PDB file of N, CA and C in Angstrom:
ATOM      1  N   MET A   1     -46.160 -21.868  -5.852  1.00  0.00           N
ATOM      2  CA  MET A   1     -45.166 -22.784  -6.321  1.00  0.00           C
ATOM      3  C   MET A   1     -45.821 -24.162  -6.436  1.00  0.00           C
ATOM      4  N   ARG A   2     -45.579 -24.822  -7.515  1.00  0.00           N
ATOM      5  CA  ARG A   2     -46.084 -26.172  -7.724  1.00  0.00           C
ATOM      6  C   ARG A   2     -44.926 -27.146  -7.536  1.00  0.00           C
ATOM      7  N   VAL A   3     -45.118 -28.146  -6.718  1.00  0.00           N
ATOM      8  CA  VAL A   3     -44.088 -29.153  -6.453  1.00  0.00           C
ATOM      9  C   VAL A   3     -44.599 -30.496  -6.945  1.00  0.00           C
ATOM     10  N   SER A   4     -43.756 -31.182  -7.735  1.00  0.00           N
ATOM     11  CA  SER A   4     -44.094 -32.514  -8.231  1.00  0.00           C
ATOM     12  C   SER A   4     -42.964 -33.459  -7.886  1.00  0.00           C
ATOM     13  N   PRO A   5     -43.106 -34.213  -6.803  1.00  0.00           N
ATOM     14  CA  PRO A   5     -42.026 -35.135  -6.427  1.00  0.00           C
ATOM     15  C   PRO A   5     -41.883 -36.271  -7.435  1.00  0.00           C
ATOM     16  N   ARG A   6     -40.637 -36.628  -7.716  1.00  0.00           N
ATOM     17  CA  ARG A   6     -40.327 -37.750  -8.618  1.00  0.00           C
ATOM     18  C   ARG A   6     -39.171 -38.530  -8.014  1.00  0.00           C
ATOM     19  N   VAL A   7     -39.213 -39.831  -8.194  1.00  0.00           N
ATOM     20  CA  VAL A   7     -38.107 -40.684  -7.769  1.00  0.00           C
ATOM     21  C   VAL A   7     -37.594 -41.402  -9.006  1.00  0.00           C
ATOM     22  N   GLN A   8     -36.291 -41.292  -9.236  1.00  0.00           N
ATOM     23  CA  GLN A   8     -35.674 -41.925 -10.394  1.00  0.00           C
ATOM     24  C   GLN A   8     -34.394 -42.609  -9.934  1.00  0.00           C
ATOM     25  N   ALA A   9     -34.277 -43.889 -10.153  1.00  0.00           N
ATOM     26  CA  ALA A   9     -33.075 -44.640  -9.773  1.00  0.00           C
ATOM     27  C   ALA A   9     -32.075 -44.634 -10.924  1.00  0.00           C
ATOM     28  N   GLY A  10     -30.802 -44.618 -10.567  1.00  0.00           N
ATOM     29  CA  GLY A  10     -29.764 -44.662 -11.584  1.00  0.00           C
ATOM     30  C   GLY A  10     -28.410 -44.879 -10.944  1.00  0.00           C
ATOM     31  N   ALA A  11     -27.401 -45.033 -11.777  1.00  0.00           N
ATOM     32  CA  ALA A  11     -26.048 -45.310 -11.295  1.00  0.00           C
ATOM     33  C   ALA A  11     -25.418 -44.096 -10.617  1.00  0.00           C
ATOM     34  N   HIS A  12     -25.715 -42.898 -11.103  1.00  0.00           N
ATOM     35  CA  HIS A  12     -25.105 -41.692 -10.546  1.00  0.00           C
ATOM     36  C   HIS A  12     -26.184 -40.629 -10.371  1.00  0.00           C
ATOM     37  N   PRO A  13     -26.426 -40.176  -9.155  1.00  0.00           N
ATOM     38  CA  PRO A  13     -27.490 -39.200  -8.910  1.00  0.00           C
ATOM     39  C   PRO A  13     -27.357 -37.926  -9.751  1.00  0.00           C
ATOM     40  N   GLY A  14     -26.137 -37.450  -9.958  1.00  0.00           N
ATOM     41  CA  GLY A  14     -25.936 -36.244 -10.753  1.00  0.00           C
ATOM     42  C   GLY A  14     -26.452 -36.391 -12.166  1.00  0.00           C
ATOM     43  N   ASP A  15     -26.242 -37.571 -12.764  1.00  0.00           N
ATOM     44  CA  ASP A  15     -26.739 -37.833 -14.127  1.00  0.00           C
ATOM     45  C   ASP A  15     -28.258 -37.843 -14.166  1.00  0.00           C
ATOM     46  N   GLU A  16     -28.873 -38.438 -13.166  1.00  0.00           N
ATOM     47  CA  GLU A  16     -30.341 -38.515 -13.132  1.00  0.00           C
ATOM     48  C   GLU A  16     -30.960 -37.134 -12.941  1.00  0.00           C
ATOM     49  N   ILE A  17     -30.356 -36.315 -12.101  1.00  0.00           N
ATOM     50  CA  ILE A  17     -30.868 -34.955 -11.908  1.00  0.00           C
ATOM     51  C   ILE A  17     -30.701 -34.154 -13.193  1.00  0.00           C
ATOM     52  N   ALA A  18     -29.577 -34.285 -13.880  1.00  0.00           N
ATOM     53  CA  ALA A  18     -29.356 -33.589 -15.151  1.00  0.00           C
ATOM     54  C   ALA A  18     -30.382 -34.026 -16.192  1.00  0.00           C
ATOM     55  N   ARG A  19     -30.713 -35.314 -16.233  1.00  0.00           N
ATOM     56  CA  ARG A  19     -31.740 -35.805 -17.171  1.00  0.00           C
ATOM     57  C   ARG A  19     -33.091 -35.170 -16.880  1.00  0.00           C
ATOM     58  N   GLU A  20     -33.423 -35.075 -15.594  1.00  0.00           N
ATOM     59  CA  GLU A  20     -34.701 -34.467 -15.216  1.00  0.00           C
ATOM     60  C   GLU A  20     -34.727 -32.986 -15.596  1.00  0.00           C
ATOM     61  N   LEU A  21     -33.634 -32.294 -15.403  1.00  0.00           N
ATOM     62  CA  LEU A  21     -33.581 -30.880 -15.771  1.00  0.00           C
ATOM     63  C   LEU A  21     -33.718 -30.683 -17.281  1.00  0.00           C
ATOM     64  N   ALA A  22     -33.247 -31.659 -18.066  1.00  0.00           N
ATOM     65  CA  ALA A  22     -33.381 -31.582 -19.527  1.00  0.00           C
ATOM     66  C   ALA A  22     -34.786 -31.980 -19.982  1.00  0.00           C
ATOM     67  N   ARG A  23     -35.512 -32.741 -19.150  1.00  0.00           N
ATOM     68  CA  ARG A  23     -36.832 -33.258 -19.512  1.00  0.00           C
ATOM     69  C   ARG A  23     -37.902 -32.174 -19.547  1.00  0.00           C
ATOM     70  N   ALA A  24     -37.809 -31.208 -18.660  1.00  0.00           N
ATOM     71  CA  ALA A  24     -38.845 -30.190 -18.542  1.00  0.00           C
ATOM     72  C   ALA A  24     -38.218 -28.854 -18.176  1.00  0.00           C
ATOM     73  N   PRO A  25     -38.917 -27.758 -18.480  1.00  0.00           N
ATOM     74  CA  PRO A  25     -38.367 -26.448 -18.106  1.00  0.00           C
ATOM     75  C   PRO A  25     -38.545 -26.185 -16.611  1.00  0.00           C
ATOM     76  N   TYR A  26     -37.479 -25.822 -15.949  1.00  0.00           N
ATOM     77  CA  TYR A  26     -37.505 -25.490 -14.527  1.00  0.00           C
ATOM     78  C   TYR A  26     -36.961 -24.084 -14.342  1.00  0.00           C
ATOM     79  N   ASP A  27     -37.461 -23.397 -13.328  1.00  0.00           N
ATOM     80  CA  ASP A  27     -36.987 -22.050 -13.017  1.00  0.00           C
ATOM     81  C   ASP A  27     -35.876 -22.056 -11.975  1.00  0.00           C
ATOM     82  N   LEU A  28     -35.879 -23.068 -11.111  1.00  0.00           N
ATOM     83  CA  LEU A  28     -34.916 -23.127 -10.020  1.00  0.00           C
ATOM     84  C   LEU A  28     -34.781 -24.566  -9.545  1.00  0.00           C
ATOM     85  N   LEU A  29     -33.562 -24.958  -9.213  1.00  0.00           N
ATOM     86  CA  LEU A  29     -33.295 -26.257  -8.612  1.00  0.00           C
ATOM     87  C   LEU A  29     -32.800 -26.014  -7.190  1.00  0.00           C
ATOM     88  N   VAL A  30     -33.458 -26.625  -6.229  1.00  0.00           N
ATOM     89  CA  VAL A  30     -33.050 -26.515  -4.830  1.00  0.00           C
ATOM     90  C   VAL A  30     -32.528 -27.869  -4.387  1.00  0.00           C
ATOM     91  N   LEU A  31     -31.281 -27.922  -3.940  1.00  0.00           N
ATOM     92  CA  LEU A  31     -30.654 -29.163  -3.498  1.00  0.00           C
ATOM     93  C   LEU A  31     -30.239 -29.042  -2.040  1.00  0.00           C
ATOM     94  N   GLY A  32     -30.544 -30.042  -1.273  1.00  0.00           N
ATOM     95  CA  GLY A  32     -30.031 -30.146   0.078  1.00  0.00           C
ATOM     96  C   GLY A  32     -28.787 -31.009   0.049  1.00  0.00           C
ATOM     97  N   CYS A  33     -27.752 -30.618   0.769  1.00  0.00           N
ATOM     98  CA  CYS A  33     -26.515 -31.393   0.762  1.00  0.00           C
ATOM     99  C   CYS A  33     -25.787 -31.198   2.089  1.00  0.00           C
ATOM    100  N   TYR A  34     -24.774 -31.990   2.295  1.00  0.00           N
ATOM    101  CA  TYR A  34     -23.988 -31.946   3.523  1.00  0.00           C
ATOM    102  C   TYR A  34     -22.534 -31.669   3.182  1.00  0.00           C
ATOM    103  N   ASP A  35     -21.908 -30.793   3.903  1.00  0.00           N
ATOM    104  CA  ASP A  35     -20.493 -30.468   3.707  1.00  0.00           C
ATOM    105  C   ASP A  35     -19.645 -31.600   4.280  1.00  0.00           C
ATOM    106  N   HIS A  36     -18.958 -32.318   3.383  1.00  0.00           N
ATOM    107  CA  HIS A  36     -18.100 -33.435   3.793  1.00  0.00           C
ATOM    108  C   HIS A  36     -16.627 -33.018   3.904  1.00  0.00           C
ATOM    109  N   GLY A  37     -16.354 -31.725   3.730  1.00  0.00           N
ATOM    110  CA  GLY A  37     -14.976 -31.244   3.735  1.00  0.00           C
ATOM    111  C   GLY A  37     -14.329 -31.310   5.107  1.00  0.00           C
ATOM    112  N   LEU A  38     -13.018 -31.327   5.082  1.00  0.00           N
ATOM    113  CA  LEU A  38     -12.236 -31.341   6.315  1.00  0.00           C
ATOM    114  C   LEU A  38     -11.410 -30.068   6.408  1.00  0.00           C
ATOM    115  N   LEU A  39     -11.062 -29.679   7.606  1.00  0.00           N
ATOM    116  CA  LEU A  39     -10.188 -28.536   7.858  1.00  0.00           C
ATOM    117  C   LEU A  39     -10.684 -27.248   7.200  1.00  0.00           C
ATOM    118  N   GLY A  40     -11.993 -27.031   7.235  1.00  0.00           N
ATOM    119  CA  GLY A  40     -12.560 -25.788   6.728  1.00  0.00           C
ATOM    120  C   GLY A  40     -12.728 -25.694   5.232  1.00  0.00           C
ATOM    121  N   GLN A  41     -12.416 -26.760   4.496  1.00  0.00           N
ATOM    122  CA  GLN A  41     -12.592 -26.737   3.051  1.00  0.00           C
ATOM    123  C   GLN A  41     -13.936 -27.356   2.696  1.00  0.00           C
ATOM    124  N   LEU A  42     -14.721 -26.655   1.890  1.00  0.00           N
ATOM    125  CA  LEU A  42     -16.033 -27.118   1.492  1.00  0.00           C
ATOM    126  C   LEU A  42     -15.918 -28.246   0.472  1.00  0.00           C
ATOM    127  N   TYR A  43     -16.559 -29.373   0.736  1.00  0.00           N
ATOM    128  CA  TYR A  43     -16.651 -30.461  -0.234  1.00  0.00           C
ATOM    129  C   TYR A  43     -18.057 -31.029  -0.136  1.00  0.00           C
ATOM    130  N   LEU A  44     -18.803 -30.937  -1.221  1.00  0.00           N
ATOM    131  CA  LEU A  44     -20.204 -31.348  -1.227  1.00  0.00           C
ATOM    132  C   LEU A  44     -20.432 -32.685  -1.905  1.00  0.00           C
ATOM    133  N   GLY A  45     -19.427 -33.253  -2.515  1.00  0.00           N
ATOM    134  CA  GLY A  45     -19.560 -34.541  -3.169  1.00  0.00           C
ATOM    135  C   GLY A  45     -19.666 -34.412  -4.674  1.00  0.00           C
ATOM    136  N   SER A  46     -19.383 -35.501  -5.364  1.00  0.00           N
ATOM    137  CA  SER A  46     -19.332 -35.474  -6.821  1.00  0.00           C
ATOM    138  C   SER A  46     -20.707 -35.276  -7.461  1.00  0.00           C
ATOM    139  N   ALA A  47     -21.755 -35.804  -6.864  1.00  0.00           N
ATOM    140  CA  ALA A  47     -23.093 -35.646  -7.447  1.00  0.00           C
ATOM    141  C   ALA A  47     -23.520 -34.181  -7.442  1.00  0.00           C
ATOM    142  N   VAL A  48     -23.353 -33.511  -6.307  1.00  0.00           N
ATOM    143  CA  VAL A  48     -23.729 -32.093  -6.209  1.00  0.00           C
ATOM    144  C   VAL A  48     -22.857 -31.262  -7.147  1.00  0.00           C
ATOM    145  N   GLU A  49     -21.567 -31.525  -7.155  1.00  0.00           N
ATOM    146  CA  GLU A  49     -20.663 -30.793  -8.041  1.00  0.00           C
ATOM    147  C   GLU A  49     -21.070 -30.955  -9.500  1.00  0.00           C
ATOM    148  N   SER A  50     -21.386 -32.167  -9.905  1.00  0.00           N
ATOM    149  CA  SER A  50     -21.799 -32.442 -11.276  1.00  0.00           C
ATOM    150  C   SER A  50     -23.054 -31.668 -11.653  1.00  0.00           C
ATOM    151  N   VAL A  51     -24.033 -31.658 -10.765  1.00  0.00           N
ATOM    152  CA  VAL A  51     -25.289 -30.961 -11.044  1.00  0.00           C
ATOM    153  C   VAL A  51     -25.052 -29.456 -11.148  1.00  0.00           C
ATOM    154  N   VAL A  52     -24.314 -28.890 -10.227  1.00  0.00           N
ATOM    155  CA  VAL A  52     -24.084 -27.439 -10.232  1.00  0.00           C
ATOM    156  C   VAL A  52     -23.346 -27.017 -11.503  1.00  0.00           C
ATOM    157  N   VAL A  53     -22.362 -27.775 -11.920  1.00  0.00           N
ATOM    158  CA  VAL A  53     -21.579 -27.432 -13.105  1.00  0.00           C
ATOM    159  C   VAL A  53     -22.417 -27.568 -14.378  1.00  0.00           C
ATOM    160  N   ARG A  54     -23.266 -28.581 -14.453  1.00  0.00           N
ATOM    161  CA  ARG A  54     -24.019 -28.866 -15.676  1.00  0.00           C
ATOM    162  C   ARG A  54     -25.357 -28.158 -15.771  1.00  0.00           C
ATOM    163  N   SER A  55     -25.861 -27.632 -14.683  1.00  0.00           N
ATOM    164  CA  SER A  55     -27.199 -27.059 -14.671  1.00  0.00           C
ATOM    165  C   SER A  55     -27.272 -25.779 -15.498  1.00  0.00           C
ATOM    166  N   ARG A  56     -28.348 -25.675 -16.264  1.00  0.00           N
ATOM    167  CA  ARG A  56     -28.610 -24.452 -17.032  1.00  0.00           C
ATOM    168  C   ARG A  56     -29.638 -23.579 -16.322  1.00  0.00           C
ATOM    169  N   VAL A  57     -30.100 -24.025 -15.170  1.00  0.00           N
ATOM    170  CA  VAL A  57     -31.026 -23.231 -14.357  1.00  0.00           C
ATOM    171  C   VAL A  57     -30.311 -22.857 -13.063  1.00  0.00           C
ATOM    172  N   PRO A  58     -30.744 -21.794 -12.414  1.00  0.00           N
ATOM    173  CA  PRO A  58     -30.127 -21.433 -11.139  1.00  0.00           C
ATOM    174  C   PRO A  58     -30.275 -22.555 -10.115  1.00  0.00           C
ATOM    175  N   VAL A  59     -29.240 -22.730  -9.288  1.00  0.00           N
ATOM    176  CA  VAL A  59     -29.237 -23.767  -8.263  1.00  0.00           C
ATOM    177  C   VAL A  59     -29.082 -23.109  -6.896  1.00  0.00           C
ATOM    178  N   ALA A  60     -29.981 -23.438  -5.979  1.00  0.00           N
ATOM    179  CA  ALA A  60     -29.871 -22.994  -4.593  1.00  0.00           C
ATOM    180  C   ALA A  60     -29.450 -24.202  -3.762  1.00  0.00           C
ATOM    181  N   LEU A  61     -28.304 -24.098  -3.089  1.00  0.00           N
ATOM    182  CA  LEU A  61     -27.804 -25.186  -2.260  1.00  0.00           C
ATOM    183  C   LEU A  61     -28.110 -24.907  -0.797  1.00  0.00           C
ATOM    184  N   LEU A  62     -28.739 -25.852  -0.149  1.00  0.00           N
ATOM    185  CA  LEU A  62     -28.998 -25.777   1.289  1.00  0.00           C
ATOM    186  C   LEU A  62     -27.965 -26.688   1.937  1.00  0.00           C
ATOM    187  N   VAL A  63     -26.916 -26.110   2.478  1.00  0.00           N
ATOM    188  CA  VAL A  63     -25.759 -26.874   2.958  1.00  0.00           C
ATOM    189  C   VAL A  63     -25.809 -27.010   4.474  1.00  0.00           C
ATOM    190  N   ALA A  64     -25.747 -28.248   4.939  1.00  0.00           N
ATOM    191  CA  ALA A  64     -25.672 -28.532   6.369  1.00  0.00           C
ATOM    192  C   ALA A  64     -24.202 -28.689   6.753  1.00  0.00           C
ATOM    193  N   HIS A  65     -23.834 -28.116   7.881  1.00  0.00           N
ATOM    194  CA  HIS A  65     -22.467 -28.230   8.399  1.00  0.00           C
ATOM    195  C   HIS A  65     -22.532 -28.875   9.773  1.00  0.00           C
ATOM    196  N   GLY A  66     -21.426 -29.427  10.202  1.00  0.00           N
ATOM    197  CA  GLY A  66     -21.376 -30.006  11.544  1.00  0.00           C
ATOM    198  C   GLY A  66     -21.041 -31.470  11.488  1.00  0.00           C
ATOM    199  N   GLU A  67     -21.096 -32.091  12.646  1.00  0.00           N
ATOM    200  CA  GLU A  67     -20.735 -33.507  12.774  1.00  0.00           C
ATOM    201  C   GLU A  67     -21.872 -34.412  12.352  1.00  0.00           C
ATOM    202  N   THR A  68     -21.524 -35.492  11.664  1.00  0.00           N
ATOM    203  CA  THR A  68     -22.495 -36.535  11.355  1.00  0.00           C
ATOM    204  C   THR A  68     -22.351 -37.637  12.400  1.00  0.00           C
ATOM    205  N   ARG A  69     -23.307 -38.518  12.438  1.00  0.00           N
ATOM    206  CA  ARG A  69     -23.204 -39.648  13.362  1.00  0.00           C
ATOM    207  C   ARG A  69     -21.988 -40.499  13.053  1.00  0.00           C
ATOM    208  N   ASP A  70     -21.653 -40.669  11.755  1.00  0.00           N
ATOM    209  CA  ASP A  70     -20.494 -41.478  11.371  1.00  0.00           C
ATOM    210  C   ASP A  70     -19.199 -40.866  11.867  1.00  0.00           C
ATOM    211  N   ARG A  71     -19.088 -39.548  11.819  1.00  0.00           N
ATOM    212  CA  ARG A  71     -17.853 -38.888  12.255  1.00  0.00           C
ATOM    213  C   ARG A  71     -17.705 -38.896  13.765  1.00  0.00           C
ATOM    214  N   MET A  72     -18.815 -38.956  14.486  1.00  0.00           N
ATOM    215  CA  MET A  72     -18.779 -38.896  15.941  1.00  0.00           C
ATOM    216  C   MET A  72     -18.424 -40.242  16.565  1.00  0.00           C
ATOM    217  N   ARG A  73     -18.473 -41.300  15.816  1.00  0.00           N
ATOM    218  CA  ARG A  73     -18.165 -42.637  16.356  1.00  0.00           C
ATOM    219  C   ARG A  73     -16.695 -42.838  16.542  1.00  0.00           C
TER     220      ARG A  73
END
């Protein structure tokens, strides 16, 4: 597997990831994210949702669950 890290700033992360996916051919997109949902409902945020819906390549989500430091305060 060849990995090429890139950093791209923009107003909305989902838009920037979609631009990168359109820039070059990719076989798989792996995203790390955190479950922000309450009461057992999964909510990953608008950026992750946007990327998953718009992606033309398979997406593997690595979802972390549990308490964040902000929630524990």
